[in-house]
Amino acid sequence: MTIDTRNGLAPGHTTASILVVDDLDANRALIARLLAPDGYLVSGAVDGAQALKMVADQQPDLVLLDVMMPGADGFAVCRALKHDPATRLIPVVLITSLSESRSRIEGLEAGADDYVSKPVDAQELRARVRSLLRIKRYTDDLDSAESVIVSLALTIEARDAYTDGHCQRLARYGVALGRAIGCQQEDLDALQRGGFLHDIGKVGIPDAVLLKGGRLTADEYDVIKQHTVIGDRLCGSLRSLKRVRPIIRYHHERLDGTGYPDGLRGNEIPLLPQIIGIVDVFDALTTERPYKRALSLEEAARELAAEAARGWRNRELVDIFIGLMCESGAQTAGG
């Protein structure tokens, strides 16, 4: 069921979509009427299963979810939505006649963003919906900005045929190593993004240096080093990339202090940049470049072990990563 409540909206107005989940037709119709003055596009689902399917298909801006339903109740549906990365940022408002604190706590633990009590007060409902939709718009704006930056990173990579697929491989390698050492999901997400965005600062490096076919001069290398600082500044305004920025800035640091841009030593270098630094070196070693051939897995493992012996890399992380590559029979860029 879809009820278009866009009465009186100016042409071109962007309409928020709201999914109302309730097993009673009368309740869904009532909510739609209460929201009608604000011009939302309101859809309805009769149970939890239909709600989950509609959310997956339509990606509404907000879900109004009755708690007491046959089959999966509102708490279960809310948990399912909040556990799915594709839907967890959609605001969920639980509508319930349950007033005891235990039920409200259960709803909050399920991930609900707000509560509305029955009988529903029209002004309260509209105010809560407007507030959550404002937050959703801010989230969407941040997501759009991040998507633009990711696209820019891939565009930078595409300029150089020798780095094709580099970002994707680093994201995959980084997450695999992070998972192997027990990183939490938020760190795995940061490693995934960091793999794509670690070299985003190369957008500020001249093509004559970035795409040079041979080895760089000392001065050219100094220019290249600036990509870590440029990338950090570029992503600095996005709170959603807060955990990724250290990866962008520090993935070329070395444990003995000889890296760049800040010459950090030992534990001054956060764990996630250390991980991306290791997999970045591995991918560079196993990728053909104009001035070198691609090394085999065994040769790359020896090079990484030598860097650990020099004090550049964490030996334990290197050993775990090489073990992962050997176990999986990793298909590197070089073959």
C-alpha atoms as a PDB file:
ATOM      1  CA  MET A   1       0.000   0.000   0.000  1.00  0.00           C
ATOM      2  CA  THR A   2       1.327   3.438  -0.953  1.00  0.00           C
ATOM      3  CA  ILE A   3      -0.382   6.677  -0.022  1.00  0.00           C
ATOM      4  CA  ASP A   4       0.964   9.823  -1.684  1.00  0.00           C
ATOM      5  CA  THR A   5       0.558  12.672   0.791  1.00  0.00           C
ATOM      6  CA  ARG A   6       2.439  15.310  -1.205  1.00  0.00           C
ATOM      7  CA  ASN A   7      -0.534  17.684  -1.186  1.00  0.00           C
ATOM      8  CA  GLY A   8       0.429  21.266  -1.873  1.00  0.00           C
ATOM      9  CA  LEU A   9       4.173  20.680  -2.348  1.00  0.00           C
ATOM     10  CA  ALA A  10       6.018  22.986  -4.680  1.00  0.00           C
ATOM     11  CA  PRO A  11       7.230  21.426  -7.972  1.00  0.00           C
ATOM     12  CA  GLY A  12      10.649  19.836  -7.591  1.00  0.00           C
ATOM     13  CA  HIS A  13      10.348  19.418  -3.825  1.00  0.00           C
ATOM     14  CA  THR A  14      12.235  16.366  -2.593  1.00  0.00           C
ATOM     15  CA  THR A  15       9.806  14.171  -0.708  1.00  0.00           C
ATOM     16  CA  ALA A  16      10.895  11.996   2.195  1.00  0.00           C
ATOM     17  CA  SER A  17       9.596   8.428   2.108  1.00  0.00           C
ATOM     18  CA  ILE A  18       8.247   6.783   5.252  1.00  0.00           C
ATOM     19  CA  LEU A  19       7.352   3.132   5.789  1.00  0.00           C
ATOM     20  CA  VAL A  20       4.604   2.448   8.348  1.00  0.00           C
ATOM     21  CA  VAL A  21       4.598  -1.130   9.678  1.00  0.00           C
ATOM     22  CA  ASP A  22       1.422  -2.283  11.430  1.00  0.00           C
ATOM     23  CA  ASP A  23      -0.760  -5.372  11.035  1.00  0.00           C
ATOM     24  CA  LEU A  24      -3.969  -3.260  11.192  1.00  0.00           C
ATOM     25  CA  ASP A  25      -5.068  -1.357   8.091  1.00  0.00           C
ATOM     26  CA  ALA A  26      -6.799   1.290  10.195  1.00  0.00           C
ATOM     27  CA  ASN A  27      -3.612   2.087  12.106  1.00  0.00           C
ATOM     28  CA  ARG A  28      -1.553   2.476   8.953  1.00  0.00           C
ATOM     29  CA  ALA A  29      -4.195   4.737   7.428  1.00  0.00           C
ATOM     30  CA  LEU A  30      -4.328   6.839  10.604  1.00  0.00           C
ATOM     31  CA  ILE A  31      -0.568   7.413  10.618  1.00  0.00           C
ATOM     32  CA  ALA A  32      -0.691   8.394   6.939  1.00  0.00           C
ATOM     33  CA  ARG A  33      -3.423  10.960   7.654  1.00  0.00           C
ATOM     34  CA  LEU A  34      -1.504  12.419  10.593  1.00  0.00           C
ATOM     35  CA  LEU A  35       1.590  12.853   8.411  1.00  0.00           C
ATOM     36  CA  ALA A  36      -0.307  14.194   5.395  1.00  0.00           C
ATOM     37  CA  PRO A  37       0.224  17.914   6.209  1.00  0.00           C
ATOM     38  CA  ASP A  38       4.001  17.481   5.820  1.00  0.00           C
ATOM     39  CA  GLY A  39       3.772  15.960   2.347  1.00  0.00           C
ATOM     40  CA  TYR A  40       5.613  12.676   2.865  1.00  0.00           C
ATOM     41  CA  LEU A  41       5.302   9.646   0.606  1.00  0.00           C
ATOM     42  CA  VAL A  42       3.934   7.010   2.984  1.00  0.00           C
ATOM     43  CA  SER A  43       4.015   3.260   2.316  1.00  0.00           C
ATOM     44  CA  GLY A  44       2.663   0.462   4.475  1.00  0.00           C
ATOM     45  CA  ALA A  45       3.704  -3.061   5.463  1.00  0.00           C
ATOM     46  CA  VAL A  46       1.470  -5.541   7.284  1.00  0.00           C
ATOM     47  CA  ASP A  47       4.156  -7.528   9.134  1.00  0.00           C
ATOM     48  CA  GLY A  48       7.848  -7.787   9.846  1.00  0.00           C
ATOM     49  CA  ALA A  49       8.706  -9.980   6.867  1.00  0.00           C
ATOM     50  CA  GLN A  50       7.062  -7.613   4.404  1.00  0.00           C
ATOM     51  CA  ALA A  51       8.678  -4.643   6.142  1.00  0.00           C
ATOM     52  CA  LEU A  52      12.195  -6.062   5.777  1.00  0.00           C
ATOM     53  CA  LYS A  53      11.607  -6.779   2.092  1.00  0.00           C
ATOM     54  CA  MET A  54      10.213  -3.299   1.433  1.00  0.00           C
ATOM     55  CA  VAL A  55      13.078  -1.623   3.273  1.00  0.00           C
ATOM     56  CA  ALA A  56      15.601  -3.608   1.231  1.00  0.00           C
ATOM     57  CA  ASP A  57      13.815  -2.762  -2.029  1.00  0.00           C
ATOM     58  CA  GLN A  58      12.811   0.853  -1.396  1.00  0.00           C
ATOM     59  CA  GLN A  59      15.317   2.205   1.158  1.00  0.00           C
ATOM     60  CA  PRO A  60      12.825   4.546   2.892  1.00  0.00           C
ATOM     61  CA  ASP A  61      14.059   7.583   4.784  1.00  0.00           C
ATOM     62  CA  LEU A  62      12.350   6.512   8.032  1.00  0.00           C
ATOM     63  CA  VAL A  63      10.455   3.518   9.437  1.00  0.00           C
ATOM     64  CA  LEU A  64       7.521   3.809  11.864  1.00  0.00           C
ATOM     65  CA  LEU A  65       7.268   0.386  13.445  1.00  0.00           C
ATOM     66  CA  ASP A  66       4.512  -1.037  15.632  1.00  0.00           C
ATOM     67  CA  VAL A  67       5.880  -3.154  18.470  1.00  0.00           C
ATOM     68  CA  MET A  68       3.037  -5.636  18.950  1.00  0.00           C
ATOM     69  CA  MET A  69       2.627  -7.621  15.711  1.00  0.00           C
ATOM     70  CA  PRO A  70       2.022 -11.296  14.934  1.00  0.00           C
ATOM     71  CA  GLY A  71       5.157 -13.186  13.984  1.00  0.00           C
ATOM     72  CA  ALA A  72       8.271 -11.068  14.350  1.00  0.00           C
ATOM     73  CA  ASP A  73       7.527  -8.187  16.713  1.00  0.00           C
ATOM     74  CA  GLY A  74       8.822  -4.657  16.298  1.00  0.00           C
ATOM     75  CA  PHE A  75      11.873  -5.295  18.455  1.00  0.00           C
ATOM     76  CA  ALA A  76      12.990  -8.166  16.215  1.00  0.00           C
ATOM     77  CA  VAL A  77      12.426  -6.177  13.027  1.00  0.00           C
ATOM     78  CA  CYS A  78      14.330  -3.216  14.458  1.00  0.00           C
ATOM     79  CA  ARG A  79      17.272  -5.435  15.402  1.00  0.00           C
ATOM     80  CA  ALA A  80      17.351  -6.895  11.894  1.00  0.00           C
ATOM     81  CA  LEU A  81      17.378  -3.434  10.314  1.00  0.00           C
ATOM     82  CA  LYS A  82      20.103  -2.124  12.604  1.00  0.00           C
ATOM     83  CA  HIS A  83      22.329  -5.183  12.165  1.00  0.00           C
ATOM     84  CA  ASP A  84      22.312  -4.858   8.365  1.00  0.00           C
ATOM     85  CA  PRO A  85      24.967  -2.378   7.116  1.00  0.00           C
ATOM     86  CA  ALA A  86      22.692  -1.484   4.193  1.00  0.00           C
ATOM     87  CA  THR A  87      19.829  -0.350   6.445  1.00  0.00           C
ATOM     88  CA  ARG A  88      21.325   0.479   9.839  1.00  0.00           C
ATOM     89  CA  LEU A  89      21.359   4.257   9.223  1.00  0.00           C
ATOM     90  CA  ILE A  90      17.624   4.399   8.467  1.00  0.00           C
ATOM     91  CA  PRO A  91      15.892   5.947  11.523  1.00  0.00           C
ATOM     92  CA  VAL A  92      13.409   3.613  13.248  1.00  0.00           C
ATOM     93  CA  VAL A  93      10.621   4.904  15.488  1.00  0.00           C
ATOM     94  CA  LEU A  94       8.803   2.325  17.604  1.00  0.00           C
ATOM     95  CA  ILE A  95       5.076   2.923  18.098  1.00  0.00           C
ATOM     96  CA  THR A  96       3.783   1.174  21.184  1.00  0.00           C
ATOM     97  CA  SER A  97       1.218   1.157  23.936  1.00  0.00           C
ATOM     98  CA  LEU A  98       3.841  -0.361  26.242  1.00  0.00           C
ATOM     99  CA  SER A  99       4.867   2.238  28.777  1.00  0.00           C
ATOM    100  CA  GLU A 100       7.031   0.350  31.250  1.00  0.00           C
ATOM    101  CA  SER A 101      10.715   1.232  31.215  1.00  0.00           C
ATOM    102  CA  ARG A 102      11.774  -2.370  30.544  1.00  0.00           C
ATOM    103  CA  SER A 103      10.064  -2.323  27.142  1.00  0.00           C
ATOM    104  CA  ARG A 104      11.611   1.036  26.267  1.00  0.00           C
ATOM    105  CA  ILE A 105      15.039  -0.247  27.244  1.00  0.00           C
ATOM    106  CA  GLU A 106      14.515  -3.308  25.040  1.00  0.00           C
ATOM    107  CA  GLY A 107      13.640  -1.031  22.159  1.00  0.00           C
ATOM    108  CA  LEU A 108      16.728   1.118  22.647  1.00  0.00           C
ATOM    109  CA  GLU A 109      18.912  -1.985  22.873  1.00  0.00           C
ATOM    110  CA  ALA A 110      17.354  -3.165  19.611  1.00  0.00           C
ATOM    111  CA  GLY A 111      18.625   0.066  18.040  1.00  0.00           C
ATOM    112  CA  ALA A 112      15.441   2.153  17.916  1.00  0.00           C
ATOM    113  CA  ASP A 113      16.070   5.857  17.363  1.00  0.00           C
ATOM    114  CA  ASP A 114      12.892   7.063  19.088  1.00  0.00           C
ATOM    115  CA  TYR A 115       9.555   6.079  20.629  1.00  0.00           C
ATOM    116  CA  VAL A 116       5.970   7.251  20.078  1.00  0.00           C
ATOM    117  CA  SER A 117       3.295   6.098  22.519  1.00  0.00           C
ATOM    118  CA  LYS A 118      -0.267   5.100  21.689  1.00  0.00           C
ATOM    119  CA  PRO A 119      -2.660   6.799  21.376  1.00  0.00           C
ATOM    120  CA  VAL A 120      -0.531   8.755  18.935  1.00  0.00           C
ATOM    121  CA  ASP A 121      -0.428  12.519  19.357  1.00  0.00           C
ATOM    122  CA  ALA A 122      -0.281  14.111  15.892  1.00  0.00           C
ATOM    123  CA  GLN A 123       1.958  17.025  16.836  1.00  0.00           C
ATOM    124  CA  GLU A 124       4.399  14.824  18.733  1.00  0.00           C
ATOM    125  CA  LEU A 125       4.581  12.327  15.873  1.00  0.00           C
ATOM    126  CA  ARG A 126       5.206  15.009  13.261  1.00  0.00           C
ATOM    127  CA  ALA A 127       7.864  16.706  15.403  1.00  0.00           C
ATOM    128  CA  ARG A 128       9.757  13.469  16.041  1.00  0.00           C
ATOM    129  CA  VAL A 129       9.598  12.503  12.371  1.00  0.00           C
ATOM    130  CA  ARG A 130      10.857  15.926  11.244  1.00  0.00           C
ATOM    131  CA  SER A 131      13.751  15.769  13.715  1.00  0.00           C
ATOM    132  CA  LEU A 132      14.886  12.318  12.622  1.00  0.00           C
ATOM    133  CA  LEU A 133      14.548  13.185   8.935  1.00  0.00           C
ATOM    134  CA  ARG A 134      16.823  16.194   9.441  1.00  0.00           C
ATOM    135  CA  ILE A 135      19.451  13.891  10.938  1.00  0.00           C
ATOM    136  CA  LYS A 136      18.939  11.439   8.071  1.00  0.00           C
ATOM    137  CA  ARG A 137      19.543  14.210   5.526  1.00  0.00           C
ATOM    138  CA  TYR A 138      22.794  15.167   7.252  1.00  0.00           C
ATOM    139  CA  THR A 139      23.853  11.498   7.207  1.00  0.00           C
ATOM    140  CA  ASP A 140      22.982  11.223   3.516  1.00  0.00           C
ATOM    141  CA  ASP A 141      24.977  14.360   2.757  1.00  0.00           C
ATOM    142  CA  LEU A 142      28.029  12.935   4.521  1.00  0.00           C
ATOM    143  CA  ASP A 143      27.593   9.626   2.705  1.00  0.00           C
ATOM    144  CA  SER A 144      27.347  11.456  -0.628  1.00  0.00           C
ATOM    145  CA  ALA A 145      30.486  13.458   0.111  1.00  0.00           C
ATOM    146  CA  GLU A 146      32.351  10.289   1.058  1.00  0.00           C
ATOM    147  CA  SER A 147      31.152   8.582  -2.117  1.00  0.00           C
ATOM    148  CA  VAL A 148      32.534  11.458  -4.179  1.00  0.00           C
ATOM    149  CA  ILE A 149      35.914  11.112  -2.462  1.00  0.00           C
ATOM    150  CA  VAL A 150      35.962   7.334  -3.034  1.00  0.00           C
ATOM    151  CA  SER A 151      35.118   7.905  -6.711  1.00  0.00           C
ATOM    152  CA  LEU A 152      37.917  10.458  -6.900  1.00  0.00           C
ATOM    153  CA  ALA A 153      40.343   7.939  -5.396  1.00  0.00           C
ATOM    154  CA  LEU A 154      39.400   5.364  -8.019  1.00  0.00           C
ATOM    155  CA  THR A 155      39.745   7.987 -10.747  1.00  0.00           C
ATOM    156  CA  ILE A 156      43.270   8.767  -9.567  1.00  0.00           C
ATOM    157  CA  GLU A 157      44.111   5.061  -9.672  1.00  0.00           C
ATOM    158  CA  ALA A 158      42.639   4.684 -13.168  1.00  0.00           C
ATOM    159  CA  ARG A 159      45.058   7.319 -14.511  1.00  0.00           C
ATOM    160  CA  ASP A 160      47.904   4.851 -14.067  1.00  0.00           C
ATOM    161  CA  ALA A 161      47.489   1.459 -15.719  1.00  0.00           C
ATOM    162  CA  TYR A 162      50.138   0.004 -13.424  1.00  0.00           C
ATOM    163  CA  THR A 163      48.047   0.655 -10.302  1.00  0.00           C
ATOM    164  CA  ASP A 164      44.755  -0.689 -11.673  1.00  0.00           C
ATOM    165  CA  GLY A 165      42.971  -2.623  -8.919  1.00  0.00           C
ATOM    166  CA  HIS A 166      45.430  -1.439  -6.233  1.00  0.00           C
ATOM    167  CA  CYS A 167      42.752   0.137  -4.012  1.00  0.00           C
ATOM    168  CA  GLN A 168      40.495  -2.897  -4.148  1.00  0.00           C
ATOM    169  CA  ARG A 169      43.354  -5.232  -3.294  1.00  0.00           C
ATOM    170  CA  LEU A 170      44.493  -3.114  -0.367  1.00  0.00           C
ATOM    171  CA  ALA A 171      40.969  -2.995   1.019  1.00  0.00           C
ATOM    172  CA  ARG A 172      40.720  -6.780   0.730  1.00  0.00           C
ATOM    173  CA  TYR A 173      44.170  -7.479   2.171  1.00  0.00           C
ATOM    174  CA  GLY A 174      43.744  -4.957   4.980  1.00  0.00           C
ATOM    175  CA  VAL A 175      40.410  -6.350   6.114  1.00  0.00           C
ATOM    176  CA  ALA A 176      41.762  -9.910   5.978  1.00  0.00           C
ATOM    177  CA  LEU A 177      44.722  -9.003   8.200  1.00  0.00           C
ATOM    178  CA  GLY A 178      42.538  -6.968  10.551  1.00  0.00           C
ATOM    179  CA  ARG A 179      40.111  -9.840  10.930  1.00  0.00           C
ATOM    180  CA  ALA A 180      42.953 -12.302  11.557  1.00  0.00           C
ATOM    181  CA  ILE A 181      44.224 -10.278  14.524  1.00  0.00           C
ATOM    182  CA  GLY A 182      40.744  -9.763  15.984  1.00  0.00           C
ATOM    183  CA  CYS A 183      39.933  -6.174  15.014  1.00  0.00           C
ATOM    184  CA  GLN A 184      36.427  -4.954  15.851  1.00  0.00           C
ATOM    185  CA  GLN A 185      33.945  -4.278  13.044  1.00  0.00           C
ATOM    186  CA  GLU A 186      34.440  -0.499  13.167  1.00  0.00           C
ATOM    187  CA  ASP A 187      38.157  -1.023  12.571  1.00  0.00           C
ATOM    188  CA  LEU A 188      37.464  -3.468   9.736  1.00  0.00           C
ATOM    189  CA  ASP A 189      35.199  -0.844   8.174  1.00  0.00           C
ATOM    190  CA  ALA A 190      37.992   1.732   8.517  1.00  0.00           C
ATOM    191  CA  LEU A 191      40.457  -0.650   6.866  1.00  0.00           C
ATOM    192  CA  GLN A 192      38.024  -1.198   3.998  1.00  0.00           C
ATOM    193  CA  ARG A 193      37.662   2.537   3.446  1.00  0.00           C
ATOM    194  CA  GLY A 194      41.337   3.168   4.090  1.00  0.00           C
ATOM    195  CA  GLY A 195      42.299   0.715   1.384  1.00  0.00           C
ATOM    196  CA  PHE A 196      40.392   2.818  -1.125  1.00  0.00           C
ATOM    197  CA  LEU A 197      41.333   6.234   0.245  1.00  0.00           C
ATOM    198  CA  HIS A 198      44.956   5.840   1.401  1.00  0.00           C
ATOM    199  CA  ASP A 199      46.357   7.607  -1.674  1.00  0.00           C
ATOM    200  CA  ILE A 200      43.535  10.127  -2.186  1.00  0.00           C
ATOM    201  CA  GLY A 201      46.065  12.962  -1.691  1.00  0.00           C
ATOM    202  CA  LYS A 202      47.675  12.114  -5.022  1.00  0.00           C
ATOM    203  CA  VAL A 203      44.969  14.286  -6.555  1.00  0.00           C
ATOM    204  CA  GLY A 204      47.261  17.175  -5.595  1.00  0.00           C
ATOM    205  CA  ILE A 205      50.425  15.715  -7.152  1.00  0.00           C
ATOM    206  CA  PRO A 206      51.400  16.921 -10.666  1.00  0.00           C
ATOM    207  CA  ASP A 207      50.991  14.348 -13.424  1.00  0.00           C
ATOM    208  CA  ALA A 208      54.594  14.835 -14.495  1.00  0.00           C
ATOM    209  CA  VAL A 209      55.671  13.415 -11.136  1.00  0.00           C
ATOM    210  CA  LEU A 210      52.809  11.019 -10.404  1.00  0.00           C
ATOM    211  CA  LEU A 211      52.880   9.332 -13.819  1.00  0.00           C
ATOM    212  CA  LYS A 212      56.617   9.412 -14.442  1.00  0.00           C
ATOM    213  CA  GLY A 213      57.733   6.224 -16.139  1.00  0.00           C
ATOM    214  CA  GLY A 214      61.073   5.789 -14.384  1.00  0.00           C
ATOM    215  CA  ARG A 215      62.468   6.214 -10.894  1.00  0.00           C
ATOM    216  CA  LEU A 216      61.864   9.506  -9.129  1.00  0.00           C
ATOM    217  CA  THR A 217      64.559  12.024  -8.298  1.00  0.00           C
ATOM    218  CA  ALA A 218      64.996  13.084  -4.669  1.00  0.00           C
ATOM    219  CA  ASP A 219      63.057  16.292  -5.297  1.00  0.00           C
ATOM    220  CA  GLU A 220      60.256  14.426  -7.054  1.00  0.00           C
ATOM    221  CA  TYR A 221      60.083  11.962  -4.182  1.00  0.00           C
ATOM    222  CA  ASP A 222      59.667  14.874  -1.761  1.00  0.00           C
ATOM    223  CA  VAL A 223      56.696  16.032  -3.846  1.00  0.00           C
ATOM    224  CA  ILE A 224      55.146  12.550  -3.781  1.00  0.00           C
ATOM    225  CA  LYS A 225      55.491  12.418   0.005  1.00  0.00           C
ATOM    226  CA  GLN A 226      53.085  15.323   0.288  1.00  0.00           C
ATOM    227  CA  HIS A 227      50.163  13.118  -0.816  1.00  0.00           C
ATOM    228  CA  THR A 228      49.725  11.856   2.752  1.00  0.00           C
ATOM    229  CA  VAL A 229      49.300  15.402   4.114  1.00  0.00           C
ATOM    230  CA  ILE A 230      47.093  16.497   1.215  1.00  0.00           C
ATOM    231  CA  GLY A 231      44.847  13.460   1.671  1.00  0.00           C
ATOM    232  CA  ASP A 232      44.521  14.060   5.402  1.00  0.00           C
ATOM    233  CA  ARG A 233      43.456  17.658   4.782  1.00  0.00           C
ATOM    234  CA  LEU A 234      41.056  16.643   2.028  1.00  0.00           C
ATOM    235  CA  CYS A 235      39.180  14.254   4.331  1.00  0.00           C
ATOM    236  CA  GLY A 236      39.500  16.400   7.438  1.00  0.00           C
ATOM    237  CA  SER A 237      36.018  17.930   7.217  1.00  0.00           C
ATOM    238  CA  LEU A 238      34.204  14.585   7.140  1.00  0.00           C
ATOM    239  CA  ARG A 239      33.410  13.135  10.556  1.00  0.00           C
ATOM    240  CA  SER A 240      32.535   9.844   8.874  1.00  0.00           C
ATOM    241  CA  LEU A 241      36.213   9.478   7.902  1.00  0.00           C
ATOM    242  CA  LYS A 242      37.610  10.225  11.356  1.00  0.00           C
ATOM    243  CA  ARG A 243      38.919   6.663  11.787  1.00  0.00           C
ATOM    244  CA  VAL A 244      40.287   6.601   8.229  1.00  0.00           C
ATOM    245  CA  ARG A 245      42.363   9.793   8.392  1.00  0.00           C
ATOM    246  CA  PRO A 246      45.231   8.192  10.387  1.00  0.00           C
ATOM    247  CA  ILE A 247      45.504   5.538   7.663  1.00  0.00           C
ATOM    248  CA  ILE A 248      45.727   8.214   4.983  1.00  0.00           C
ATOM    249  CA  ARG A 249      48.366  10.241   6.837  1.00  0.00           C
ATOM    250  CA  TYR A 250      50.498   7.556   8.481  1.00  0.00           C
ATOM    251  CA  HIS A 251      50.540   4.515   6.162  1.00  0.00           C
ATOM    252  CA  HIS A 252      54.095   5.413   5.013  1.00  0.00           C
ATOM    253  CA  GLU A 253      55.478   5.773   8.533  1.00  0.00           C
ATOM    254  CA  ARG A 254      58.061   3.230   9.739  1.00  0.00           C
ATOM    255  CA  LEU A 255      58.550   1.896  13.246  1.00  0.00           C
ATOM    256  CA  ASP A 256      62.158   3.136  13.383  1.00  0.00           C
ATOM    257  CA  GLY A 257      61.120   6.724  12.605  1.00  0.00           C
ATOM    258  CA  THR A 258      62.459   6.851   9.024  1.00  0.00           C
ATOM    259  CA  GLY A 259      59.033   7.061   7.397  1.00  0.00           C
ATOM    260  CA  TYR A 260      56.965  10.093   6.435  1.00  0.00           C
ATOM    261  CA  PRO A 261      55.340  12.592   6.801  1.00  0.00           C
ATOM    262  CA  ASP A 262      55.867  12.948  10.571  1.00  0.00           C
ATOM    263  CA  GLY A 263      58.691  10.529  11.377  1.00  0.00           C
ATOM    264  CA  LEU A 264      56.635   8.647  13.970  1.00  0.00           C
ATOM    265  CA  ARG A 265      58.234   5.797  15.910  1.00  0.00           C
ATOM    266  CA  GLY A 266      56.968   2.500  17.339  1.00  0.00           C
ATOM    267  CA  ASN A 267      53.582   2.719  19.000  1.00  0.00           C
ATOM    268  CA  GLU A 268      53.220   6.341  17.915  1.00  0.00           C
ATOM    269  CA  ILE A 269      52.010   4.810  14.657  1.00  0.00           C
ATOM    270  CA  PRO A 270      48.418   3.592  15.105  1.00  0.00           C
ATOM    271  CA  LEU A 271      47.662  -0.048  14.332  1.00  0.00           C
ATOM    272  CA  LEU A 272      45.436   0.511  11.286  1.00  0.00           C
ATOM    273  CA  PRO A 273      48.041   2.551   9.358  1.00  0.00           C
ATOM    274  CA  GLN A 274      50.589  -0.144  10.175  1.00  0.00           C
ATOM    275  CA  ILE A 275      48.294  -2.743   8.620  1.00  0.00           C
ATOM    276  CA  ILE A 276      47.698  -0.735   5.452  1.00  0.00           C
ATOM    277  CA  GLY A 277      51.403   0.075   5.268  1.00  0.00           C
ATOM    278  CA  ILE A 278      52.273  -3.623   5.204  1.00  0.00           C
ATOM    279  CA  VAL A 279      49.702  -4.603   2.591  1.00  0.00           C
ATOM    280  CA  ASP A 280      50.604  -1.530   0.496  1.00  0.00           C
ATOM    281  CA  VAL A 281      54.223  -2.666   0.321  1.00  0.00           C
ATOM    282  CA  PHE A 282      53.135  -6.210  -0.499  1.00  0.00           C
ATOM    283  CA  ASP A 283      50.936  -5.048  -3.369  1.00  0.00           C
ATOM    284  CA  ALA A 284      53.660  -2.772  -4.721  1.00  0.00           C
ATOM    285  CA  LEU A 285      56.143  -5.657  -4.653  1.00  0.00           C
ATOM    286  CA  THR A 286      53.798  -8.050  -6.449  1.00  0.00           C
ATOM    287  CA  THR A 287      52.709  -5.522  -9.100  1.00  0.00           C
ATOM    288  CA  GLU A 288      54.636  -4.886 -12.314  1.00  0.00           C
ATOM    289  CA  ARG A 289      55.907  -1.332 -12.747  1.00  0.00           C
ATOM    290  CA  PRO A 290      57.760   0.307 -15.672  1.00  0.00           C
ATOM    291  CA  TYR A 291      61.031   0.027 -13.772  1.00  0.00           C
ATOM    292  CA  LYS A 292      60.605  -3.439 -12.194  1.00  0.00           C
ATOM    293  CA  ARG A 293      59.004  -6.833 -12.583  1.00  0.00           C
ATOM    294  CA  ALA A 294      56.339  -8.210 -10.255  1.00  0.00           C
ATOM    295  CA  LEU A 295      57.762 -10.388  -7.507  1.00  0.00           C
ATOM    296  CA  SER A 296      56.355 -13.785  -6.601  1.00  0.00           C
ATOM    297  CA  LEU A 297      54.612 -14.368  -3.288  1.00  0.00           C
ATOM    298  CA  GLU A 298      57.740 -16.002  -1.892  1.00  0.00           C
ATOM    299  CA  GLU A 299      59.979 -13.134  -2.999  1.00  0.00           C
ATOM    300  CA  ALA A 300      57.571 -10.531  -1.600  1.00  0.00           C
ATOM    301  CA  ALA A 301      57.451 -12.418   1.705  1.00  0.00           C
ATOM    302  CA  ARG A 302      61.236 -12.257   1.940  1.00  0.00           C
ATOM    303  CA  GLU A 303      61.239  -8.524   1.213  1.00  0.00           C
ATOM    304  CA  LEU A 304      58.619  -7.861   3.885  1.00  0.00           C
ATOM    305  CA  ALA A 305      60.537  -9.994   6.368  1.00  0.00           C
ATOM    306  CA  ALA A 306      63.664  -7.956   5.576  1.00  0.00           C
ATOM    307  CA  GLU A 307      61.762  -4.721   6.256  1.00  0.00           C
ATOM    308  CA  ALA A 308      60.643  -6.153   9.599  1.00  0.00           C
ATOM    309  CA  ALA A 309      64.249  -7.091  10.387  1.00  0.00           C
ATOM    310  CA  ARG A 310      65.341  -3.501   9.646  1.00  0.00           C
ATOM    311  CA  GLY A 311      62.821  -2.298  12.197  1.00  0.00           C
ATOM    312  CA  TRP A 312      60.434  -0.782   9.652  1.00  0.00           C
ATOM    313  CA  ARG A 313      57.481  -3.147  10.156  1.00  0.00           C
ATOM    314  CA  ASN A 314      55.902  -5.083  12.981  1.00  0.00           C
ATOM    315  CA  ARG A 315      57.266  -8.617  12.565  1.00  0.00           C
ATOM    316  CA  GLU A 316      54.200 -10.284  14.059  1.00  0.00           C
ATOM    317  CA  LEU A 317      51.842  -8.471  11.669  1.00  0.00           C
ATOM    318  CA  VAL A 318      54.085  -9.318   8.718  1.00  0.00           C
ATOM    319  CA  ASP A 319      54.187 -13.006   9.656  1.00  0.00           C
ATOM    320  CA  ILE A 320      50.406 -13.210  10.090  1.00  0.00           C
ATOM    321  CA  PHE A 321      49.789 -11.476   6.760  1.00  0.00           C
ATOM    322  CA  ILE A 322      52.224 -13.649   4.829  1.00  0.00           C
ATOM    323  CA  GLY A 323      50.634 -16.693   6.449  1.00  0.00           C
ATOM    324  CA  LEU A 324      47.226 -15.527   5.232  1.00  0.00           C
ATOM    325  CA  MET A 325      48.521 -15.032   1.697  1.00  0.00           C
ATOM    326  CA  CYS A 326      50.146 -18.454   1.642  1.00  0.00           C
ATOM    327  CA  GLU A 327      47.051 -20.189   3.035  1.00  0.00           C
ATOM    328  CA  SER A 328      44.775 -18.556   0.495  1.00  0.00           C
ATOM    329  CA  GLY A 329      47.152 -19.054  -2.396  1.00  0.00           C
ATOM    330  CA  ALA A 330      46.758 -15.335  -3.020  1.00  0.00           C
ATOM    331  CA  GLN A 331      46.400 -14.319  -6.615  1.00  0.00           C
ATOM    332  CA  THR A 332      48.553 -11.197  -6.719  1.00  0.00           C
ATOM    333  CA  ALA A 333      48.533  -8.588  -9.439  1.00  0.00           C
ATOM    334  CA  GLY A 334      51.696 -10.101 -10.849  1.00  0.00           C
ATOM    335  CA  GLY A 335      50.283 -13.567 -11.387  1.00  0.00           C
END
